[in-house]
Amino acid sequence: MKKIFVLKLANFISLFWRIVPFKIRRFIFTSLFILESRDKKTREGLSRIFYIKDKLEWVINERSIHYDNGIHPKHRLTNYHQFFIDRIKEGDTVLDVGCGIGAVALDIAKARPRCKIIGIDINKENIFFANKLKENYSLENIKFIFGNIITQKGINSDVVILSNVLEHIDQRESFLNGIISNSKAKNFLIRVPLFERDWQMPLRKELGIYYYSDLDHKIEHSVKEFKKEMNKVNLRILEINTIWGEIWAQCEYEE
């Protein structure tokens, strides 16, 4: 509710703010940022500017989702759904864990009509929105479930998708073992944020300030950390790539 109020207030105030010419607004913002960064202790000034940058990134993401009518444009611009589609065979049963609003699952269902797609998420609003999106297509090969994959029974699959999920989990080894046990899947397609995506990440870590891209993240993997975690749960990495600041991997479960 607080976030909605803030956004509505911003929309109202912006009507008056935009009366000021953009060049003047830009000058004011730039001057304020420079002033905020000035400090006898460069470390403190730099840390404050990083905090402001994080708030700006939140605004950019919020406006970007609005720009693309409720779906983040990264889905469209990076074409990352194709990574999953290309590694799924017709006839596979696919389990999309943490499916969100179902954007990835729906694209797979359209591209692989003989596959059975199951999307599951612990956020009830996400599942509601996913089912609304599903109504736009005549798809019989997909369903969305509200619930926790670890407590679900009888969801066997050939392929498990974990797209931007593991970074939200504290006990990842236990979580992955639970999915492996419940799904009986052999093929795992995984996407996580990459720690080594930018030189600013190790700098922020050195400064002792928050360096994840989301407040709910518990980790953002280095390639070395990712490989180590996969090895712990007997997921053999068949393919690994880094692009768009993320790790993309295809893994095979070995008993």
C-alpha atoms as a PDB file:
ATOM      1  CA  MET A   1       0.000   0.000   0.000  1.00  0.00           C
ATOM      2  CA  LYS A   2       2.843   2.376   0.861  1.00  0.00           C
ATOM      3  CA  LYS A   3       4.478   1.797  -2.532  1.00  0.00           C
ATOM      4  CA  ILE A   4       1.189   2.462  -4.362  1.00  0.00           C
ATOM      5  CA  PHE A   5       0.700   5.704  -2.393  1.00  0.00           C
ATOM      6  CA  VAL A   6       4.250   6.860  -3.203  1.00  0.00           C
ATOM      7  CA  LEU A   7       3.760   6.144  -6.926  1.00  0.00           C
ATOM      8  CA  LYS A   8       0.439   7.983  -7.028  1.00  0.00           C
ATOM      9  CA  LEU A   9       1.965  10.943  -5.192  1.00  0.00           C
ATOM     10  CA  ALA A  10       4.902  10.971  -7.630  1.00  0.00           C
ATOM     11  CA  ASN A  11       2.518  10.986 -10.599  1.00  0.00           C
ATOM     12  CA  PHE A  12       0.712  14.000  -9.137  1.00  0.00           C
ATOM     13  CA  ILE A  13       3.816  16.014  -8.216  1.00  0.00           C
ATOM     14  CA  SER A  14       5.404  15.277 -11.608  1.00  0.00           C
ATOM     15  CA  LEU A  15       2.681  17.378 -13.278  1.00  0.00           C
ATOM     16  CA  PHE A  16       4.227  20.451 -11.654  1.00  0.00           C
ATOM     17  CA  TRP A  17       7.846  19.264 -11.797  1.00  0.00           C
ATOM     18  CA  ARG A  18       7.729  18.883 -15.590  1.00  0.00           C
ATOM     19  CA  ILE A  19       6.886  22.576 -15.964  1.00  0.00           C
ATOM     20  CA  VAL A  20      10.566  23.177 -15.204  1.00  0.00           C
ATOM     21  CA  PRO A  21      12.627  22.808 -18.442  1.00  0.00           C
ATOM     22  CA  PHE A  22      14.495  19.482 -18.659  1.00  0.00           C
ATOM     23  CA  LYS A  23      17.953  21.130 -18.915  1.00  0.00           C
ATOM     24  CA  ILE A  24      17.363  22.869 -15.604  1.00  0.00           C
ATOM     25  CA  ARG A  25      16.010  19.688 -13.976  1.00  0.00           C
ATOM     26  CA  ARG A  26      19.054  17.764 -15.195  1.00  0.00           C
ATOM     27  CA  PHE A  27      21.415  20.448 -13.844  1.00  0.00           C
ATOM     28  CA  ILE A  28      19.701  20.350 -10.446  1.00  0.00           C
ATOM     29  CA  PHE A  29      19.916  16.556 -10.199  1.00  0.00           C
ATOM     30  CA  THR A  30      23.542  16.382 -11.337  1.00  0.00           C
ATOM     31  CA  SER A  31      24.552  19.136  -8.925  1.00  0.00           C
ATOM     32  CA  LEU A  32      22.804  17.407  -6.019  1.00  0.00           C
ATOM     33  CA  PHE A  33      24.498  14.087  -6.806  1.00  0.00           C
ATOM     34  CA  ILE A  34      27.920  15.736  -6.945  1.00  0.00           C
ATOM     35  CA  LEU A  35      27.299  17.592  -3.675  1.00  0.00           C
ATOM     36  CA  GLU A  36      26.138  14.364  -2.008  1.00  0.00           C
ATOM     37  CA  SER A  37      29.316  12.577  -3.067  1.00  0.00           C
ATOM     38  CA  ARG A  38      31.666  15.216  -1.621  1.00  0.00           C
ATOM     39  CA  ASP A  39      33.063  14.037   1.681  1.00  0.00           C
ATOM     40  CA  LYS A  40      36.441  14.172   3.393  1.00  0.00           C
ATOM     41  CA  LYS A  41      36.031  10.425   3.652  1.00  0.00           C
ATOM     42  CA  THR A  42      35.672   9.343   0.018  1.00  0.00           C
ATOM     43  CA  ARG A  43      34.425   5.947   1.157  1.00  0.00           C
ATOM     44  CA  GLU A  44      31.312   7.437   2.795  1.00  0.00           C
ATOM     45  CA  GLY A  45      30.503   9.734  -0.134  1.00  0.00           C
ATOM     46  CA  LEU A  46      30.906   6.908  -2.621  1.00  0.00           C
ATOM     47  CA  SER A  47      28.697   4.623  -0.532  1.00  0.00           C
ATOM     48  CA  ARG A  48      25.901   7.220  -0.466  1.00  0.00           C
ATOM     49  CA  ILE A  49      26.030   7.648  -4.251  1.00  0.00           C
ATOM     50  CA  PHE A  50      25.759   3.884  -4.718  1.00  0.00           C
ATOM     51  CA  TYR A  51      22.645   3.956  -2.509  1.00  0.00           C
ATOM     52  CA  ILE A  52      21.108   6.675  -4.703  1.00  0.00           C
ATOM     53  CA  LYS A  53      22.007   4.666  -7.806  1.00  0.00           C
ATOM     54  CA  ASP A  54      20.122   1.656  -6.391  1.00  0.00           C
ATOM     55  CA  LYS A  55      17.006   3.794  -5.945  1.00  0.00           C
ATOM     56  CA  LEU A  56      17.362   5.037  -9.522  1.00  0.00           C
ATOM     57  CA  GLU A  57      17.643   1.440 -10.773  1.00  0.00           C
ATOM     58  CA  TRP A  58      14.374   0.640  -8.969  1.00  0.00           C
ATOM     59  CA  VAL A  59      12.678   3.556 -10.748  1.00  0.00           C
ATOM     60  CA  ILE A  60      14.075   2.451 -14.128  1.00  0.00           C
ATOM     61  CA  ASN A  61      12.725  -1.084 -13.607  1.00  0.00           C
ATOM     62  CA  GLU A  62       9.318   0.191 -12.472  1.00  0.00           C
ATOM     63  CA  ARG A  63       9.007   2.488 -15.485  1.00  0.00           C
ATOM     64  CA  SER A  64      10.270  -0.245 -17.829  1.00  0.00           C
ATOM     65  CA  ILE A  65       7.567  -2.653 -16.667  1.00  0.00           C
ATOM     66  CA  HIS A  66       4.971   0.078 -17.159  1.00  0.00           C
ATOM     67  CA  TYR A  67       6.404   0.754 -20.632  1.00  0.00           C
ATOM     68  CA  ASP A  68       5.893  -2.896 -21.627  1.00  0.00           C
ATOM     69  CA  ASN A  69       2.383  -3.172 -20.170  1.00  0.00           C
ATOM     70  CA  GLY A  70       3.207  -5.133 -17.030  1.00  0.00           C
ATOM     71  CA  ILE A  71       6.018  -7.400 -18.267  1.00  0.00           C
ATOM     72  CA  HIS A  72       9.666  -6.437 -17.891  1.00  0.00           C
ATOM     73  CA  PRO A  73      11.141  -5.676 -21.343  1.00  0.00           C
ATOM     74  CA  LYS A  74      14.189  -7.822 -20.545  1.00  0.00           C
ATOM     75  CA  HIS A  75      12.045 -10.818 -21.551  1.00  0.00           C
ATOM     76  CA  ARG A  76      11.694  -9.333 -25.035  1.00  0.00           C
ATOM     77  CA  LEU A  77      15.016  -7.557 -25.506  1.00  0.00           C
ATOM     78  CA  THR A  78      17.388 -10.267 -24.276  1.00  0.00           C
ATOM     79  CA  ASN A  79      15.320 -13.083 -25.833  1.00  0.00           C
ATOM     80  CA  TYR A  80      16.347 -15.250 -22.889  1.00  0.00           C
ATOM     81  CA  HIS A  81      13.310 -17.515 -23.176  1.00  0.00           C
ATOM     82  CA  GLN A  82      14.945 -19.040 -26.258  1.00  0.00           C
ATOM     83  CA  PHE A  83      17.713 -20.489 -24.085  1.00  0.00           C
ATOM     84  CA  PHE A  84      15.135 -22.721 -22.404  1.00  0.00           C
ATOM     85  CA  ILE A  85      13.120 -23.496 -25.541  1.00  0.00           C
ATOM     86  CA  ASP A  86      16.219 -24.642 -27.452  1.00  0.00           C
ATOM     87  CA  ARG A  87      17.113 -27.150 -24.730  1.00  0.00           C
ATOM     88  CA  ILE A  88      13.671 -28.734 -24.376  1.00  0.00           C
ATOM     89  CA  LYS A  89      12.579 -31.600 -26.627  1.00  0.00           C
ATOM     90  CA  GLU A  90       9.054 -32.097 -27.936  1.00  0.00           C
ATOM     91  CA  GLY A  91       7.195 -34.436 -25.606  1.00  0.00           C
ATOM     92  CA  ASP A  92       9.106 -33.396 -22.468  1.00  0.00           C
ATOM     93  CA  THR A  93       7.280 -32.614 -19.259  1.00  0.00           C
ATOM     94  CA  VAL A  94       8.672 -29.295 -18.056  1.00  0.00           C
ATOM     95  CA  LEU A  95       8.462 -27.979 -14.491  1.00  0.00           C
ATOM     96  CA  ASP A  96       9.058 -24.218 -14.184  1.00  0.00           C
ATOM     97  CA  VAL A  97       9.859 -23.629 -10.512  1.00  0.00           C
ATOM     98  CA  GLY A  98       9.280 -20.063  -9.366  1.00  0.00           C
ATOM     99  CA  CYS A  99       7.495 -19.341 -12.641  1.00  0.00           C
ATOM    100  CA  GLY A 100       6.484 -15.811 -11.624  1.00  0.00           C
ATOM    101  CA  ILE A 101       3.788 -14.464 -13.939  1.00  0.00           C
ATOM    102  CA  GLY A 102       4.395 -17.345 -16.358  1.00  0.00           C
ATOM    103  CA  ALA A 103       6.157 -15.462 -19.154  1.00  0.00           C
ATOM    104  CA  VAL A 104       8.812 -18.149 -19.735  1.00  0.00           C
ATOM    105  CA  ALA A 105       6.405 -21.073 -19.297  1.00  0.00           C
ATOM    106  CA  LEU A 106       3.891 -19.625 -21.758  1.00  0.00           C
ATOM    107  CA  ASP A 107       6.524 -19.097 -24.446  1.00  0.00           C
ATOM    108  CA  ILE A 108       7.720 -22.685 -24.022  1.00  0.00           C
ATOM    109  CA  ALA A 109       4.118 -23.967 -24.242  1.00  0.00           C
ATOM    110  CA  LYS A 110       3.650 -22.064 -27.513  1.00  0.00           C
ATOM    111  CA  ALA A 111       6.967 -23.196 -29.005  1.00  0.00           C
ATOM    112  CA  ARG A 112       6.686 -26.842 -27.863  1.00  0.00           C
ATOM    113  CA  PRO A 113       2.991 -27.798 -28.294  1.00  0.00           C
ATOM    114  CA  ARG A 114       3.613 -31.497 -27.564  1.00  0.00           C
ATOM    115  CA  CYS A 115       5.246 -30.696 -24.230  1.00  0.00           C
ATOM    116  CA  LYS A 116       3.408 -30.561 -20.918  1.00  0.00           C
ATOM    117  CA  ILE A 117       4.332 -27.412 -18.993  1.00  0.00           C
ATOM    118  CA  ILE A 118       3.748 -26.948 -15.258  1.00  0.00           C
ATOM    119  CA  GLY A 119       4.466 -23.585 -13.650  1.00  0.00           C
ATOM    120  CA  ILE A 120       4.584 -23.309  -9.865  1.00  0.00           C
ATOM    121  CA  ASP A 121       5.085 -20.275  -7.638  1.00  0.00           C
ATOM    122  CA  ILE A 122       4.651 -19.457  -3.934  1.00  0.00           C
ATOM    123  CA  ASN A 123       3.223 -16.028  -4.770  1.00  0.00           C
ATOM    124  CA  LYS A 124      -0.551 -16.240  -5.235  1.00  0.00           C
ATOM    125  CA  GLU A 125      -0.688 -12.938  -7.153  1.00  0.00           C
ATOM    126  CA  ASN A 126       1.875 -14.247  -9.650  1.00  0.00           C
ATOM    127  CA  ILE A 127      -0.234 -17.346 -10.332  1.00  0.00           C
ATOM    128  CA  PHE A 128      -3.381 -15.239 -10.702  1.00  0.00           C
ATOM    129  CA  PHE A 129      -1.620 -13.012 -13.265  1.00  0.00           C
ATOM    130  CA  ALA A 130      -0.137 -16.069 -15.048  1.00  0.00           C
ATOM    131  CA  ASN A 131      -3.606 -17.556 -15.498  1.00  0.00           C
ATOM    132  CA  LYS A 132      -4.843 -14.213 -16.818  1.00  0.00           C
ATOM    133  CA  LEU A 133      -2.040 -14.213 -19.412  1.00  0.00           C
ATOM    134  CA  LYS A 134      -2.879 -17.810 -20.303  1.00  0.00           C
ATOM    135  CA  GLU A 135      -6.395 -16.694 -21.256  1.00  0.00           C
ATOM    136  CA  ASN A 136      -4.874 -14.767 -24.172  1.00  0.00           C
ATOM    137  CA  TYR A 137      -3.775 -18.018 -25.822  1.00  0.00           C
ATOM    138  CA  SER A 138      -5.501 -21.271 -26.758  1.00  0.00           C
ATOM    139  CA  LEU A 139      -3.064 -23.502 -24.897  1.00  0.00           C
ATOM    140  CA  GLU A 140      -4.019 -26.896 -23.532  1.00  0.00           C
ATOM    141  CA  ASN A 141      -0.497 -27.987 -22.607  1.00  0.00           C
ATOM    142  CA  ILE A 142       0.163 -25.698 -19.630  1.00  0.00           C
ATOM    143  CA  LYS A 143      -1.103 -25.241 -16.103  1.00  0.00           C
ATOM    144  CA  PHE A 144      -0.094 -23.043 -13.179  1.00  0.00           C
ATOM    145  CA  ILE A 145      -0.010 -24.142  -9.537  1.00  0.00           C
ATOM    146  CA  PHE A 146       0.133 -22.022  -6.393  1.00  0.00           C
ATOM    147  CA  GLY A 147       2.348 -23.711  -3.828  1.00  0.00           C
ATOM    148  CA  ASN A 148       5.795 -24.714  -2.618  1.00  0.00           C
ATOM    149  CA  ILE A 149       7.603 -27.192  -4.847  1.00  0.00           C
ATOM    150  CA  ILE A 150       9.249 -28.866  -1.838  1.00  0.00           C
ATOM    151  CA  THR A 151       5.887 -29.844  -0.321  1.00  0.00           C
ATOM    152  CA  GLN A 152       4.237 -30.810  -3.622  1.00  0.00           C
ATOM    153  CA  LYS A 153       3.786 -34.482  -4.403  1.00  0.00           C
ATOM    154  CA  GLY A 154       3.458 -36.298  -7.716  1.00  0.00           C
ATOM    155  CA  ILE A 155       4.986 -33.635  -9.949  1.00  0.00           C
ATOM    156  CA  ASN A 156       7.304 -35.733 -12.088  1.00  0.00           C
ATOM    157  CA  SER A 157       9.085 -34.038 -14.971  1.00  0.00           C
ATOM    158  CA  ASP A 158      11.836 -34.480 -17.508  1.00  0.00           C
ATOM    159  CA  VAL A 159      13.085 -30.904 -17.266  1.00  0.00           C
ATOM    160  CA  VAL A 160      13.246 -28.422 -14.390  1.00  0.00           C
ATOM    161  CA  ILE A 161      13.611 -24.705 -15.048  1.00  0.00           C
ATOM    162  CA  LEU A 162      15.043 -22.452 -12.330  1.00  0.00           C
ATOM    163  CA  SER A 163      15.087 -18.980 -13.856  1.00  0.00           C
ATOM    164  CA  ASN A 164      16.246 -16.369 -11.327  1.00  0.00           C
ATOM    165  CA  VAL A 165      15.172 -18.529  -8.391  1.00  0.00           C
ATOM    166  CA  LEU A 166      18.252 -19.893  -6.601  1.00  0.00           C
ATOM    167  CA  GLU A 167      19.490 -16.440  -5.601  1.00  0.00           C
ATOM    168  CA  HIS A 168      16.350 -16.047  -3.452  1.00  0.00           C
ATOM    169  CA  ILE A 169      17.000 -19.265  -1.480  1.00  0.00           C
ATOM    170  CA  ASP A 170      19.073 -19.523   1.715  1.00  0.00           C
ATOM    171  CA  GLN A 171      19.392 -23.308   1.930  1.00  0.00           C
ATOM    172  CA  ARG A 172      20.043 -23.960  -1.748  1.00  0.00           C
ATOM    173  CA  GLU A 173      21.538 -27.439  -1.369  1.00  0.00           C
ATOM    174  CA  SER A 174      18.483 -28.677   0.554  1.00  0.00           C
ATOM    175  CA  PHE A 175      16.170 -26.870  -1.884  1.00  0.00           C
ATOM    176  CA  LEU A 176      17.785 -28.449  -4.951  1.00  0.00           C
ATOM    177  CA  ASN A 177      17.841 -31.908  -3.369  1.00  0.00           C
ATOM    178  CA  GLY A 178      14.123 -31.520  -2.628  1.00  0.00           C
ATOM    179  CA  ILE A 179      13.353 -30.624  -6.248  1.00  0.00           C
ATOM    180  CA  ILE A 180      15.489 -33.490  -7.547  1.00  0.00           C
ATOM    181  CA  SER A 181      13.663 -35.928  -5.247  1.00  0.00           C
ATOM    182  CA  ASN A 182      10.160 -34.615  -6.018  1.00  0.00           C
ATOM    183  CA  SER A 183      10.480 -34.133  -9.766  1.00  0.00           C
ATOM    184  CA  LYS A 184      12.711 -37.090 -10.702  1.00  0.00           C
ATOM    185  CA  ALA A 185      14.025 -34.801 -13.461  1.00  0.00           C
ATOM    186  CA  LYS A 186      17.396 -35.338 -15.126  1.00  0.00           C
ATOM    187  CA  ASN A 187      17.661 -32.094 -17.090  1.00  0.00           C
ATOM    188  CA  PHE A 188      18.015 -28.780 -15.215  1.00  0.00           C
ATOM    189  CA  LEU A 189      18.063 -25.396 -16.940  1.00  0.00           C
ATOM    190  CA  ILE A 190      19.285 -22.713 -14.566  1.00  0.00           C
ATOM    191  CA  ARG A 191      19.713 -18.946 -14.755  1.00  0.00           C
ATOM    192  CA  VAL A 192      21.156 -16.827 -11.911  1.00  0.00           C
ATOM    193  CA  PRO A 193      22.666 -13.341 -11.552  1.00  0.00           C
ATOM    194  CA  LEU A 194      26.431 -13.208 -12.025  1.00  0.00           C
ATOM    195  CA  PHE A 195      28.590 -11.566  -9.347  1.00  0.00           C
ATOM    196  CA  GLU A 196      31.309 -10.810 -11.899  1.00  0.00           C
ATOM    197  CA  ARG A 197      28.919  -8.790 -14.092  1.00  0.00           C
ATOM    198  CA  ASP A 198      30.511  -5.439 -13.319  1.00  0.00           C
ATOM    199  CA  TRP A 199      33.633  -4.039 -11.663  1.00  0.00           C
ATOM    200  CA  GLN A 200      31.402  -2.132  -9.255  1.00  0.00           C
ATOM    201  CA  MET A 201      30.296  -5.360  -7.526  1.00  0.00           C
ATOM    202  CA  PRO A 202      33.658  -6.170  -5.905  1.00  0.00           C
ATOM    203  CA  LEU A 203      34.096  -2.455  -5.128  1.00  0.00           C
ATOM    204  CA  ARG A 204      30.752  -2.350  -3.323  1.00  0.00           C
ATOM    205  CA  LYS A 205      31.690  -5.508  -1.426  1.00  0.00           C
ATOM    206  CA  GLU A 206      34.985  -3.869  -0.457  1.00  0.00           C
ATOM    207  CA  LEU A 207      33.096  -0.795   0.772  1.00  0.00           C
ATOM    208  CA  GLY A 208      30.872  -3.046   2.880  1.00  0.00           C
ATOM    209  CA  ILE A 209      27.636  -1.963   1.195  1.00  0.00           C
ATOM    210  CA  TYR A 210      24.828  -3.995  -0.352  1.00  0.00           C
ATOM    211  CA  TYR A 211      25.903  -5.226  -3.760  1.00  0.00           C
ATOM    212  CA  TYR A 212      23.062  -7.525  -4.849  1.00  0.00           C
ATOM    213  CA  SER A 213      20.631  -6.444  -7.565  1.00  0.00           C
ATOM    214  CA  ASP A 214      17.565  -7.263  -5.434  1.00  0.00           C
ATOM    215  CA  LEU A 215      16.886  -6.830  -1.718  1.00  0.00           C
ATOM    216  CA  ASP A 216      15.583 -10.407  -1.484  1.00  0.00           C
ATOM    217  CA  HIS A 217      18.743 -12.001  -2.897  1.00  0.00           C
ATOM    218  CA  LYS A 218      20.729 -14.244  -0.591  1.00  0.00           C
ATOM    219  CA  ILE A 219      23.618 -14.678  -3.039  1.00  0.00           C
ATOM    220  CA  GLU A 220      24.771 -13.613  -6.470  1.00  0.00           C
ATOM    221  CA  HIS A 221      27.077 -16.357  -7.694  1.00  0.00           C
ATOM    222  CA  SER A 222      30.543 -16.145  -9.095  1.00  0.00           C
ATOM    223  CA  VAL A 223      31.112 -18.828 -11.726  1.00  0.00           C
ATOM    224  CA  LYS A 224      33.293 -20.685  -9.224  1.00  0.00           C
ATOM    225  CA  GLU A 225      30.573 -20.597  -6.539  1.00  0.00           C
ATOM    226  CA  PHE A 226      27.941 -21.778  -8.999  1.00  0.00           C
ATOM    227  CA  LYS A 227      30.028 -24.756 -10.125  1.00  0.00           C
ATOM    228  CA  LYS A 228      30.723 -25.704  -6.511  1.00  0.00           C
ATOM    229  CA  GLU A 229      27.011 -25.643  -5.605  1.00  0.00           C
ATOM    230  CA  MET A 230      26.029 -27.736  -8.607  1.00  0.00           C
ATOM    231  CA  ASN A 231      28.691 -30.296  -7.746  1.00  0.00           C
ATOM    232  CA  LYS A 232      27.344 -30.634  -4.179  1.00  0.00           C
ATOM    233  CA  VAL A 233      23.952 -31.839  -5.438  1.00  0.00           C
ATOM    234  CA  ASN A 234      25.321 -34.045  -8.245  1.00  0.00           C
ATOM    235  CA  LEU A 235      24.252 -31.730 -11.048  1.00  0.00           C
ATOM    236  CA  ARG A 236      26.862 -32.121 -13.788  1.00  0.00           C
ATOM    237  CA  ILE A 237      27.221 -28.963 -15.854  1.00  0.00           C
ATOM    238  CA  LEU A 238      26.879 -29.774 -19.553  1.00  0.00           C
ATOM    239  CA  GLU A 239      26.939 -26.166 -20.710  1.00  0.00           C
ATOM    240  CA  ILE A 240      27.595 -22.831 -19.010  1.00  0.00           C
ATOM    241  CA  ASN A 241      27.535 -19.320 -20.469  1.00  0.00           C
ATOM    242  CA  THR A 242      27.666 -15.798 -19.066  1.00  0.00           C
ATOM    243  CA  ILE A 243      25.655 -13.122 -20.840  1.00  0.00           C
ATOM    244  CA  TRP A 244      23.532 -10.118 -19.846  1.00  0.00           C
ATOM    245  CA  GLY A 245      25.165 -10.185 -16.420  1.00  0.00           C
ATOM    246  CA  GLU A 246      23.905 -13.701 -15.654  1.00  0.00           C
ATOM    247  CA  ILE A 247      25.001 -17.327 -15.560  1.00  0.00           C
ATOM    248  CA  TRP A 248      23.075 -19.668 -17.874  1.00  0.00           C
ATOM    249  CA  ALA A 249      23.611 -23.382 -17.401  1.00  0.00           C
ATOM    250  CA  GLN A 250      22.299 -26.730 -18.527  1.00  0.00           C
ATOM    251  CA  CYS A 251      22.901 -29.443 -15.950  1.00  0.00           C
ATOM    252  CA  GLU A 252      22.264 -33.172 -15.787  1.00  0.00           C
ATOM    253  CA  TYR A 253      21.494 -35.012 -12.567  1.00  0.00           C
ATOM    254  CA  GLU A 254      23.812 -37.928 -11.867  1.00  0.00           C
ATOM    255  CA  GLU A 255      22.790 -40.398  -9.171  1.00  0.00           C
END
